[in-house]
Amino acid sequence: MGSPQVPIDVDPGTGIWRTDGLPMIYLPRHFLVNNHVAVEEALGRDAYRAILHKATEKSAIHWCQAESKTHGLTRAATFRHYFKRLSQRGWGQFSVDRLEASGERGGSISLHNSVFALELRGRCQTPLCYMFEGFITGAFGFLVRGAEPGEETGPVSCVESWCAGDGVHRHCEFDFGCP
């Protein structure tokens, strides 16, 4: 992959980083993962997972809308672009393995080199990368329903089927769709 494949504009007056007009933050992986683990421990996995799902779903919808307008992309192209950009930003390498948007059926996404799995590999027997479930439901909700930020996507579900963080699997796998 080499150097960053996303455009990074740094405002010389404020130091704010932007990509496609959206403010960005660059930080060490361990910082993000250590904070994630600390909040999970404080709140409990179920409570934290619910909070993350709502927040990341809303963020995914916001991002998809902004990128669709910025680049003139169709909803389907925006969905794929979203996971390409996540991959280019260091979250891991996302691959849309199966996508059935007609009839809101859903699909599956593989994630290689997840930031969570790499940092905690072999130290967790339950899926670590559940933060991405909201990313996926938000992007799929945008694709099939044109959801707005803060708007519920309707019944879109996603579950991390398996996680490379267990030290057994080579990648993480997510299944999603409309029940």
C-alpha atoms as a PDB file:
ATOM      1  CA  MET A   1       0.000   0.000   0.000  1.00  0.00           C
ATOM      2  CA  GLY A   2       2.912   2.391   0.660  1.00  0.00           C
ATOM      3  CA  SER A   3       2.332   6.021   1.641  1.00  0.00           C
ATOM      4  CA  PRO A   4      -1.153   7.223   2.517  1.00  0.00           C
ATOM      5  CA  GLN A   5      -3.498   6.960  -0.452  1.00  0.00           C
ATOM      6  CA  VAL A   6      -5.925   9.511   0.925  1.00  0.00           C
ATOM      7  CA  PRO A   7      -5.333  13.213   0.411  1.00  0.00           C
ATOM      8  CA  ILE A   8      -4.265  14.920   3.616  1.00  0.00           C
ATOM      9  CA  ASP A   9      -4.511  18.703   3.784  1.00  0.00           C
ATOM     10  CA  VAL A  10      -3.005  20.377   6.835  1.00  0.00           C
ATOM     11  CA  ASP A  11      -4.165  23.897   7.688  1.00  0.00           C
ATOM     12  CA  PRO A  12      -0.966  25.825   8.451  1.00  0.00           C
ATOM     13  CA  GLY A  13      -2.764  28.172  10.825  1.00  0.00           C
ATOM     14  CA  THR A  14      -4.634  25.601  12.937  1.00  0.00           C
ATOM     15  CA  GLY A  15      -2.780  22.349  12.315  1.00  0.00           C
ATOM     16  CA  ILE A  16      -6.105  20.635  11.530  1.00  0.00           C
ATOM     17  CA  TRP A  17      -5.784  17.678   9.152  1.00  0.00           C
ATOM     18  CA  ARG A  18      -8.527  17.213   6.552  1.00  0.00           C
ATOM     19  CA  THR A  19      -9.319  14.611   3.934  1.00  0.00           C
ATOM     20  CA  ASP A  20     -11.972  15.524   1.383  1.00  0.00           C
ATOM     21  CA  GLY A  21     -12.932  18.440   3.642  1.00  0.00           C
ATOM     22  CA  LEU A  22     -13.544  16.293   6.748  1.00  0.00           C
ATOM     23  CA  PRO A  23     -11.360  16.894   9.850  1.00  0.00           C
ATOM     24  CA  MET A  24      -9.102  13.931  10.703  1.00  0.00           C
ATOM     25  CA  ILE A  25      -6.908  12.820  13.602  1.00  0.00           C
ATOM     26  CA  TYR A  26      -3.721  10.775  13.370  1.00  0.00           C
ATOM     27  CA  LEU A  27      -2.830   8.826  16.518  1.00  0.00           C
ATOM     28  CA  PRO A  28      -0.878   5.731  17.612  1.00  0.00           C
ATOM     29  CA  ARG A  29      -2.748   2.411  17.332  1.00  0.00           C
ATOM     30  CA  HIS A  30      -1.988   1.429  20.928  1.00  0.00           C
ATOM     31  CA  PHE A  31      -3.575   4.696  22.121  1.00  0.00           C
ATOM     32  CA  LEU A  32      -6.857   3.884  20.373  1.00  0.00           C
ATOM     33  CA  VAL A  33      -6.894   0.218  21.413  1.00  0.00           C
ATOM     34  CA  ASN A  34      -5.905   0.901  25.036  1.00  0.00           C
ATOM     35  CA  ASN A  35      -8.721   3.463  25.340  1.00  0.00           C
ATOM     36  CA  HIS A  36     -11.167   1.036  23.721  1.00  0.00           C
ATOM     37  CA  VAL A  37     -10.243  -1.735  26.179  1.00  0.00           C
ATOM     38  CA  ALA A  38     -10.386   0.615  29.192  1.00  0.00           C
ATOM     39  CA  VAL A  39     -13.889   1.835  28.328  1.00  0.00           C
ATOM     40  CA  GLU A  40     -15.075  -1.723  27.690  1.00  0.00           C
ATOM     41  CA  GLU A  41     -13.735  -2.786  31.093  1.00  0.00           C
ATOM     42  CA  ALA A  42     -15.387   0.187  32.827  1.00  0.00           C
ATOM     43  CA  LEU A  43     -18.809  -0.108  31.188  1.00  0.00           C
ATOM     44  CA  GLY A  44     -18.987  -3.805  30.381  1.00  0.00           C
ATOM     45  CA  ARG A  45     -18.867  -5.207  26.867  1.00  0.00           C
ATOM     46  CA  ASP A  46     -22.625  -5.202  26.202  1.00  0.00           C
ATOM     47  CA  ALA A  47     -23.130  -1.575  27.240  1.00  0.00           C
ATOM     48  CA  TYR A  48     -20.044  -0.374  25.384  1.00  0.00           C
ATOM     49  CA  ARG A  49     -20.946  -2.367  22.279  1.00  0.00           C
ATOM     50  CA  ALA A  50     -24.399  -0.720  22.175  1.00  0.00           C
ATOM     51  CA  ILE A  51     -22.901   2.759  22.594  1.00  0.00           C
ATOM     52  CA  LEU A  52     -20.293   2.158  19.908  1.00  0.00           C
ATOM     53  CA  HIS A  53     -22.846   0.716  17.512  1.00  0.00           C
ATOM     54  CA  LYS A  54     -25.056   3.785  17.682  1.00  0.00           C
ATOM     55  CA  ALA A  55     -22.139   6.234  17.426  1.00  0.00           C
ATOM     56  CA  THR A  56     -20.268   4.458  14.633  1.00  0.00           C
ATOM     57  CA  GLU A  57     -23.451   3.862  12.635  1.00  0.00           C
ATOM     58  CA  LYS A  58     -24.242   7.580  12.778  1.00  0.00           C
ATOM     59  CA  SER A  59     -20.669   8.430  11.775  1.00  0.00           C
ATOM     60  CA  ALA A  60     -20.719   5.993   8.853  1.00  0.00           C
ATOM     61  CA  ILE A  61     -23.912   7.539   7.505  1.00  0.00           C
ATOM     62  CA  HIS A  62     -22.458  11.054   7.882  1.00  0.00           C
ATOM     63  CA  TRP A  63     -19.258  10.031   6.078  1.00  0.00           C
ATOM     64  CA  CYS A  64     -21.121   8.238   3.267  1.00  0.00           C
ATOM     65  CA  GLN A  65     -23.295  11.286   2.648  1.00  0.00           C
ATOM     66  CA  ALA A  66     -20.308  13.644   2.588  1.00  0.00           C
ATOM     67  CA  GLU A  67     -18.252  11.430   0.282  1.00  0.00           C
ATOM     68  CA  SER A  68     -21.187  10.765  -2.030  1.00  0.00           C
ATOM     69  CA  LYS A  69     -21.620  14.530  -2.509  1.00  0.00           C
ATOM     70  CA  THR A  70     -17.902  15.320  -2.679  1.00  0.00           C
ATOM     71  CA  HIS A  71     -17.140  12.693  -5.324  1.00  0.00           C
ATOM     72  CA  GLY A  72     -20.543  12.393  -7.049  1.00  0.00           C
ATOM     73  CA  LEU A  73     -20.756   8.695  -6.210  1.00  0.00           C
ATOM     74  CA  THR A  74     -23.808   6.450  -6.378  1.00  0.00           C
ATOM     75  CA  ARG A  75     -24.858   4.828  -3.118  1.00  0.00           C
ATOM     76  CA  ALA A  76     -23.353   1.488  -4.176  1.00  0.00           C
ATOM     77  CA  ALA A  77     -20.062   3.131  -5.177  1.00  0.00           C
ATOM     78  CA  THR A  78     -20.068   5.085  -1.899  1.00  0.00           C
ATOM     79  CA  PHE A  79     -20.518   1.856   0.096  1.00  0.00           C
ATOM     80  CA  ARG A  80     -17.427   0.299  -1.521  1.00  0.00           C
ATOM     81  CA  HIS A  81     -15.506   3.594  -1.327  1.00  0.00           C
ATOM     82  CA  TYR A  82     -16.182   3.733   2.412  1.00  0.00           C
ATOM     83  CA  PHE A  83     -14.437   0.416   3.059  1.00  0.00           C
ATOM     84  CA  LYS A  84     -11.613   1.307   0.670  1.00  0.00           C
ATOM     85  CA  ARG A  85     -11.023   4.535   2.606  1.00  0.00           C
ATOM     86  CA  LEU A  86     -11.167   2.747   5.986  1.00  0.00           C
ATOM     87  CA  SER A  87      -8.520   0.378   4.647  1.00  0.00           C
ATOM     88  CA  GLN A  88      -6.385   3.300   3.456  1.00  0.00           C
ATOM     89  CA  ARG A  89      -6.621   4.945   6.878  1.00  0.00           C
ATOM     90  CA  GLY A  90      -5.066   2.028   8.737  1.00  0.00           C
ATOM     91  CA  TRP A  91      -8.075   0.363  10.409  1.00  0.00           C
ATOM     92  CA  GLY A  92      -7.214  -2.862   8.545  1.00  0.00           C
ATOM     93  CA  GLN A  93      -7.892  -4.164   5.043  1.00  0.00           C
ATOM     94  CA  PHE A  94     -11.628  -4.476   4.435  1.00  0.00           C
ATOM     95  CA  SER A  95     -12.936  -6.627   1.609  1.00  0.00           C
ATOM     96  CA  VAL A  96     -16.586  -6.607   0.558  1.00  0.00           C
ATOM     97  CA  ASP A  97     -16.901 -10.319  -0.168  1.00  0.00           C
ATOM     98  CA  ARG A  98     -20.620 -10.474  -0.824  1.00  0.00           C
ATOM     99  CA  LEU A  99     -23.134  -7.658  -1.281  1.00  0.00           C
ATOM    100  CA  GLU A 100     -26.802  -8.084  -2.127  1.00  0.00           C
ATOM    101  CA  ALA A 101     -28.388  -4.645  -1.876  1.00  0.00           C
ATOM    102  CA  SER A 102     -31.499  -5.465  -3.898  1.00  0.00           C
ATOM    103  CA  GLY A 103     -34.138  -6.688  -1.521  1.00  0.00           C
ATOM    104  CA  GLU A 104     -31.910  -5.377   1.306  1.00  0.00           C
ATOM    105  CA  ARG A 105     -30.406  -8.836   1.730  1.00  0.00           C
ATOM    106  CA  GLY A 106     -26.969  -7.904   3.021  1.00  0.00           C
ATOM    107  CA  GLY A 107     -23.624  -9.570   2.635  1.00  0.00           C
ATOM    108  CA  SER A 108     -20.299 -10.292   4.240  1.00  0.00           C
ATOM    109  CA  ILE A 109     -17.105  -8.338   4.768  1.00  0.00           C
ATOM    110  CA  SER A 110     -13.663  -9.690   5.644  1.00  0.00           C
ATOM    111  CA  LEU A 111     -11.173  -7.665   7.626  1.00  0.00           C
ATOM    112  CA  HIS A 112      -7.472  -8.514   7.542  1.00  0.00           C
ATOM    113  CA  ASN A 113      -5.014  -6.829   9.901  1.00  0.00           C
ATOM    114  CA  SER A 114      -7.638  -5.224  12.125  1.00  0.00           C
ATOM    115  CA  VAL A 115      -6.104  -2.686  14.508  1.00  0.00           C
ATOM    116  CA  PHE A 116      -7.755  -4.458  17.442  1.00  0.00           C
ATOM    117  CA  ALA A 117      -6.774  -7.977  16.400  1.00  0.00           C
ATOM    118  CA  LEU A 118      -3.155  -6.985  15.728  1.00  0.00           C
ATOM    119  CA  GLU A 119      -2.784  -5.205  19.057  1.00  0.00           C
ATOM    120  CA  LEU A 120      -4.462  -7.924  21.169  1.00  0.00           C
ATOM    121  CA  ARG A 121      -3.902 -11.072  19.055  1.00  0.00           C
ATOM    122  CA  GLY A 122      -4.320 -14.284  20.986  1.00  0.00           C
ATOM    123  CA  ARG A 123      -5.361 -12.515  24.184  1.00  0.00           C
ATOM    124  CA  CYS A 124      -9.111 -12.617  23.692  1.00  0.00           C
ATOM    125  CA  GLN A 125     -11.479 -15.487  23.016  1.00  0.00           C
ATOM    126  CA  THR A 126     -14.468 -13.286  22.134  1.00  0.00           C
ATOM    127  CA  PRO A 127     -14.678 -11.028  19.079  1.00  0.00           C
ATOM    128  CA  LEU A 128     -12.684  -7.812  19.536  1.00  0.00           C
ATOM    129  CA  CYS A 129     -13.664  -5.907  16.425  1.00  0.00           C
ATOM    130  CA  TYR A 130     -17.327  -5.289  17.196  1.00  0.00           C
ATOM    131  CA  MET A 131     -16.722  -1.535  16.787  1.00  0.00           C
ATOM    132  CA  PHE A 132     -16.904  -2.152  13.035  1.00  0.00           C
ATOM    133  CA  GLU A 133     -20.444  -3.565  13.249  1.00  0.00           C
ATOM    134  CA  GLY A 134     -21.870  -0.028  13.438  1.00  0.00           C
ATOM    135  CA  PHE A 135     -19.604   1.095  10.592  1.00  0.00           C
ATOM    136  CA  ILE A 136     -21.134  -1.662   8.468  1.00  0.00           C
ATOM    137  CA  THR A 137     -24.789  -1.144   9.450  1.00  0.00           C
ATOM    138  CA  GLY A 138     -24.439   2.600   8.849  1.00  0.00           C
ATOM    139  CA  ALA A 139     -22.893   2.143   5.404  1.00  0.00           C
ATOM    140  CA  PHE A 140     -25.447  -0.530   4.450  1.00  0.00           C
ATOM    141  CA  GLY A 141     -28.296   1.623   5.785  1.00  0.00           C
ATOM    142  CA  PHE A 142     -27.022   4.475   3.609  1.00  0.00           C
ATOM    143  CA  LEU A 143     -26.816   2.143   0.608  1.00  0.00           C
ATOM    144  CA  VAL A 144     -30.289   0.619   0.839  1.00  0.00           C
ATOM    145  CA  ARG A 145     -32.251   3.416   2.504  1.00  0.00           C
ATOM    146  CA  GLY A 146     -30.314   6.632   1.959  1.00  0.00           C
ATOM    147  CA  ALA A 147     -30.279   7.160   5.725  1.00  0.00           C
ATOM    148  CA  GLU A 148     -29.395  10.581   7.159  1.00  0.00           C
ATOM    149  CA  PRO A 149     -26.977  11.097  10.092  1.00  0.00           C
ATOM    150  CA  GLY A 150     -28.820  10.535  13.366  1.00  0.00           C
ATOM    151  CA  GLU A 151     -31.613   8.713  11.567  1.00  0.00           C
ATOM    152  CA  GLU A 152     -32.143   5.069  12.400  1.00  0.00           C
ATOM    153  CA  THR A 153     -31.287   2.831   9.456  1.00  0.00           C
ATOM    154  CA  GLY A 154     -34.161   0.526  10.275  1.00  0.00           C
ATOM    155  CA  PRO A 155     -33.542  -3.072  11.055  1.00  0.00           C
ATOM    156  CA  VAL A 156     -30.013  -3.559   9.739  1.00  0.00           C
ATOM    157  CA  SER A 157     -28.001  -6.083  11.675  1.00  0.00           C
ATOM    158  CA  CYS A 158     -24.344  -6.995  11.689  1.00  0.00           C
ATOM    159  CA  VAL A 159     -22.376  -9.483  13.714  1.00  0.00           C
ATOM    160  CA  GLU A 160     -18.692 -10.264  13.828  1.00  0.00           C
ATOM    161  CA  SER A 161     -18.808 -13.986  13.026  1.00  0.00           C
ATOM    162  CA  TRP A 162     -15.200 -14.592  13.950  1.00  0.00           C
ATOM    163  CA  CYS A 163     -12.184 -12.532  14.932  1.00  0.00           C
ATOM    164  CA  ALA A 164      -8.467 -12.818  14.212  1.00  0.00           C
ATOM    165  CA  GLY A 165      -7.880 -11.560  17.751  1.00  0.00           C
ATOM    166  CA  ASP A 166      -8.459 -15.113  19.005  1.00  0.00           C
ATOM    167  CA  GLY A 167      -5.095 -16.150  17.538  1.00  0.00           C
ATOM    168  CA  VAL A 168      -6.803 -18.902  15.512  1.00  0.00           C
ATOM    169  CA  HIS A 169      -8.435 -17.127  12.583  1.00  0.00           C
ATOM    170  CA  ARG A 170      -6.403 -15.274   9.949  1.00  0.00           C
ATOM    171  CA  HIS A 171      -8.979 -12.509   9.546  1.00  0.00           C
ATOM    172  CA  CYS A 172     -12.213 -11.165  10.979  1.00  0.00           C
ATOM    173  CA  GLU A 173     -15.550 -11.819   9.276  1.00  0.00           C
ATOM    174  CA  PHE A 174     -18.761  -9.768   9.479  1.00  0.00           C
ATOM    175  CA  ASP A 175     -22.193 -10.796   8.246  1.00  0.00           C
ATOM    176  CA  PHE A 176     -24.833  -8.118   7.782  1.00  0.00           C
ATOM    177  CA  GLY A 177     -28.292  -7.551   6.381  1.00  0.00           C
ATOM    178  CA  CYS A 178     -31.889  -6.664   6.977  1.00  0.00           C
ATOM    179  CA  PRO A 179     -33.733  -9.288   8.995  1.00  0.00           C
END
